[in-house]
Protein backbone atom coordinates (compact mmCIF):
# COMPACT_ATOMS: atom_id res chain seq x y z
CA MET A 1 -19.76 66.51 1.19
CA THR A 2 -22.56 68.17 2.97
CA GLY A 3 -23.09 68.74 6.55
CA PHE A 4 -21.01 71.84 7.31
CA ASN A 5 -21.80 75.41 7.33
CA LEU A 6 -20.22 78.76 7.62
CA ARG A 7 -20.58 81.17 10.72
CA ASN A 8 -18.92 84.35 11.94
CA TYR A 9 -15.46 84.11 13.52
CA GLN A 10 -15.54 84.49 17.51
CA LYS A 11 -12.65 85.17 19.77
CA SER A 12 -13.13 81.88 21.30
CA ASP A 13 -12.27 80.21 18.00
CA LEU A 14 -8.72 81.80 18.01
CA GLU A 15 -6.76 78.54 19.60
CA THR A 16 -8.36 75.98 17.31
CA LEU A 17 -7.87 78.22 14.08
CA LEU A 18 -4.11 78.77 15.10
CA ALA A 19 -3.85 74.88 15.57
CA LEU A 20 -5.57 74.26 12.26
CA PHE A 21 -3.47 76.84 10.57
CA ASN A 22 -0.11 75.40 11.78
CA GLY A 23 -1.28 71.73 11.40
CA THR A 24 -2.25 72.43 7.59
CA ILE A 25 0.96 74.05 6.82
CA GLN A 26 3.10 71.48 8.57
CA ALA A 27 1.17 68.46 7.07
CA ILE A 28 0.18 69.82 3.33
CA ASN A 29 2.49 72.56 2.25
CA LYS A 30 5.55 70.62 3.22
CA LYS A 31 5.41 69.03 -0.25
CA ASP A 32 6.14 72.31 -1.76
CA TYR A 33 8.34 74.03 1.02
CA THR A 34 11.36 72.98 2.92
CA PRO A 35 11.41 72.16 6.84
CA GLN A 36 13.09 75.58 7.37
CA GLN A 37 10.51 77.39 5.23
CA ILE A 38 7.81 75.72 7.15
CA GLU A 39 9.34 76.57 10.43
CA GLN A 40 9.42 80.37 9.55
CA TRP A 41 5.75 80.12 8.35
CA VAL A 42 3.90 78.45 11.41
CA GLN A 43 2.99 80.23 14.36
CA LEU A 44 4.17 78.16 17.47
CA THR A 45 4.14 81.16 19.69
CA PRO A 46 1.46 83.36 18.18
CA ASP A 47 0.66 86.71 19.37
CA TYR A 48 -3.06 86.12 20.04
CA GLU A 49 -3.99 89.54 20.59
CA LYS A 50 -2.51 90.52 17.31
CA TRP A 51 -4.18 87.49 15.49
CA HIS A 52 -7.60 88.31 16.95
CA ALA A 53 -7.42 91.93 15.95
CA LYS A 54 -6.75 91.11 12.29
CA LEU A 55 -9.43 88.49 12.04
CA ASP A 56 -11.95 90.61 14.08
CA THR A 57 -11.18 93.71 11.87
CA ASN A 58 -11.90 91.81 8.56
CA TYR A 59 -14.74 89.61 7.60
CA THR A 60 -13.75 86.26 8.91
CA VAL A 61 -15.86 82.97 8.62
CA VAL A 62 -15.36 79.74 9.98
CA ALA A 63 -16.59 76.35 8.65
CA GLN A 64 -17.94 73.68 10.90
CA ASN A 65 -19.31 70.43 11.00
CA ARG A 66 -21.72 70.25 14.16
CA MET A 67 -19.12 71.48 16.68
CA GLN A 68 -15.83 70.65 14.81
CA ILE A 69 -13.94 73.58 12.92
CA LEU A 70 -12.94 72.51 9.54
CA GLY A 71 -11.41 75.64 8.15
CA PHE A 72 -11.59 79.48 8.20
CA GLY A 73 -11.01 82.33 5.89
CA SER A 74 -10.57 86.15 6.32
CA ILE A 75 -11.07 89.02 3.74
CA SER A 76 -10.97 92.88 3.96
CA ASP A 77 -13.96 94.92 2.38
CA SER A 78 -11.54 96.10 -0.09
CA GLY A 79 -10.84 92.48 -1.55
CA LYS A 80 -7.64 91.51 0.25
CA LEU A 81 -7.97 87.78 1.05
CA ASP A 82 -5.65 87.22 3.76
CA TYR A 83 -6.32 83.60 5.07
CA LEU A 84 -7.87 80.65 3.73
CA TYR A 85 -6.94 77.31 5.57
CA VAL A 86 -8.64 74.12 5.51
CA GLY A 87 -7.87 71.22 8.15
CA LYS A 88 -5.77 68.55 6.46
CA GLU A 89 -8.28 65.90 6.91
CA TRP A 90 -10.90 68.04 5.27
CA ILE A 91 -9.18 69.12 2.11
CA GLY A 92 -11.17 67.86 -0.90
CA TYR A 93 -14.64 68.08 0.33
CA GLY A 94 -15.50 71.58 -0.71
CA VAL A 95 -15.03 73.12 2.47
CA GLY A 96 -12.15 75.57 0.90
CA LYS A 97 -14.46 76.52 -2.03
CA LEU A 98 -17.38 77.23 0.00
CA ILE A 99 -15.19 79.55 2.22
CA ALA A 100 -13.49 81.24 -0.73
CA ASN A 101 -17.09 81.78 -2.49
CA ASP A 102 -18.55 83.35 0.66
CA LEU A 103 -15.38 85.71 1.08
CA ILE A 104 -15.46 86.65 -2.45
CA ALA A 105 -19.19 87.72 -2.32
CA HIS A 106 -18.79 89.48 0.76
CA ALA A 107 -16.00 91.61 -0.51
CA PHE A 108 -17.99 92.46 -3.94
CA LYS A 109 -20.88 93.40 -1.94
CA ALA A 110 -18.80 95.75 0.17
CA GLY A 111 -17.70 97.39 -2.97
CA ALA A 112 -14.25 95.66 -3.68
CA LYS A 113 -13.23 95.98 -7.36
CA GLU A 114 -11.16 92.81 -7.38
CA ILE A 115 -9.88 90.06 -4.88
CA THR A 116 -6.16 89.63 -4.49
CA VAL A 117 -4.41 86.96 -2.47
CA TYR A 118 -0.96 85.98 -1.89
CA SER A 119 -1.04 82.35 -2.56
CA SER A 120 1.33 79.61 -1.42
CA ILE A 121 2.83 77.34 -4.28
CA THR A 122 0.48 74.54 -2.73
CA ALA A 123 -2.71 76.76 -2.98
CA LYS A 124 -2.08 78.28 -6.30
CA PRO A 125 -3.90 75.43 -8.39
CA PHE A 126 -6.84 75.75 -5.90
CA PHE A 127 -7.19 79.54 -6.57
CA GLU A 128 -6.78 79.13 -10.20
CA SER A 129 -9.72 76.79 -10.21
CA LEU A 130 -11.83 79.46 -8.96
CA GLY A 131 -10.83 81.83 -11.49
CA PHE A 132 -7.95 83.56 -10.07
CA GLU A 133 -5.02 84.63 -12.40
CA SER A 134 -1.52 84.60 -11.16
CA LYS A 135 0.08 88.00 -11.83
CA GLU A 136 3.39 87.93 -10.18
CA GLN A 137 5.92 85.59 -8.37
CA LYS A 138 6.68 87.07 -5.00
CA ILE A 139 10.15 86.44 -3.26
CA ASN A 140 10.11 87.33 0.37
CA TYR A 141 12.52 86.44 3.29
CA ARG A 142 11.77 85.69 6.92
CA ASN A 143 14.78 85.67 8.99
CA GLY A 144 16.81 85.11 6.17
CA VAL A 145 14.70 82.15 4.76
CA LEU A 146 13.21 82.55 1.31
CA LEU A 147 9.49 82.11 1.20
CA MET A 148 7.72 82.35 -2.25
CA ASN A 149 4.23 82.96 -3.18
CA TYR A 150 2.13 84.23 -5.91
CA LEU A 151 0.00 87.45 -6.25
CA MET A 152 -3.19 86.30 -7.67
CA VAL A 153 -6.19 88.32 -8.94
CA TYR A 154 -9.89 87.68 -9.28
CA ARG A 155 -12.41 90.04 -10.99
CA LYS A 156 -15.98 89.80 -11.35
CA ASP A 157 -15.53 89.35 -14.99
CA ASN A 158 -13.64 86.08 -14.22
CA GLU A 159 -16.95 84.57 -13.33
């Protein structure tokens, strides 16, 4: 699919990005996570200032089609990929790959030696398709609820 582009994050995007974040988790990740796990993951009462500070501090891009936001991603200059979410209706159209490739290129240009991400079970095959390698399964607890993810690493020599 063509007809979408990337632009830099703006504070006015925040509510839309959080709605996309929650909607994608609730619709897509439910195949790999229990309702209790989803409930701990989503941000129904987010701290908007905390979210904005994190997105604004990192390199954050928004994918859009005309005026509709399709997805977003955020990475630190040191290569820690924090967020990569695509709206549930846009998964499979290359939006995630476009965002990921842009984030990876930015981090390497900024001097990162590798890219790391804590991937959900659901996103693990996507990151593997980009050349990320799974290094470690991580078990976390949020309010007593187990949340599992994977530490994945991408190096320039993976290209």
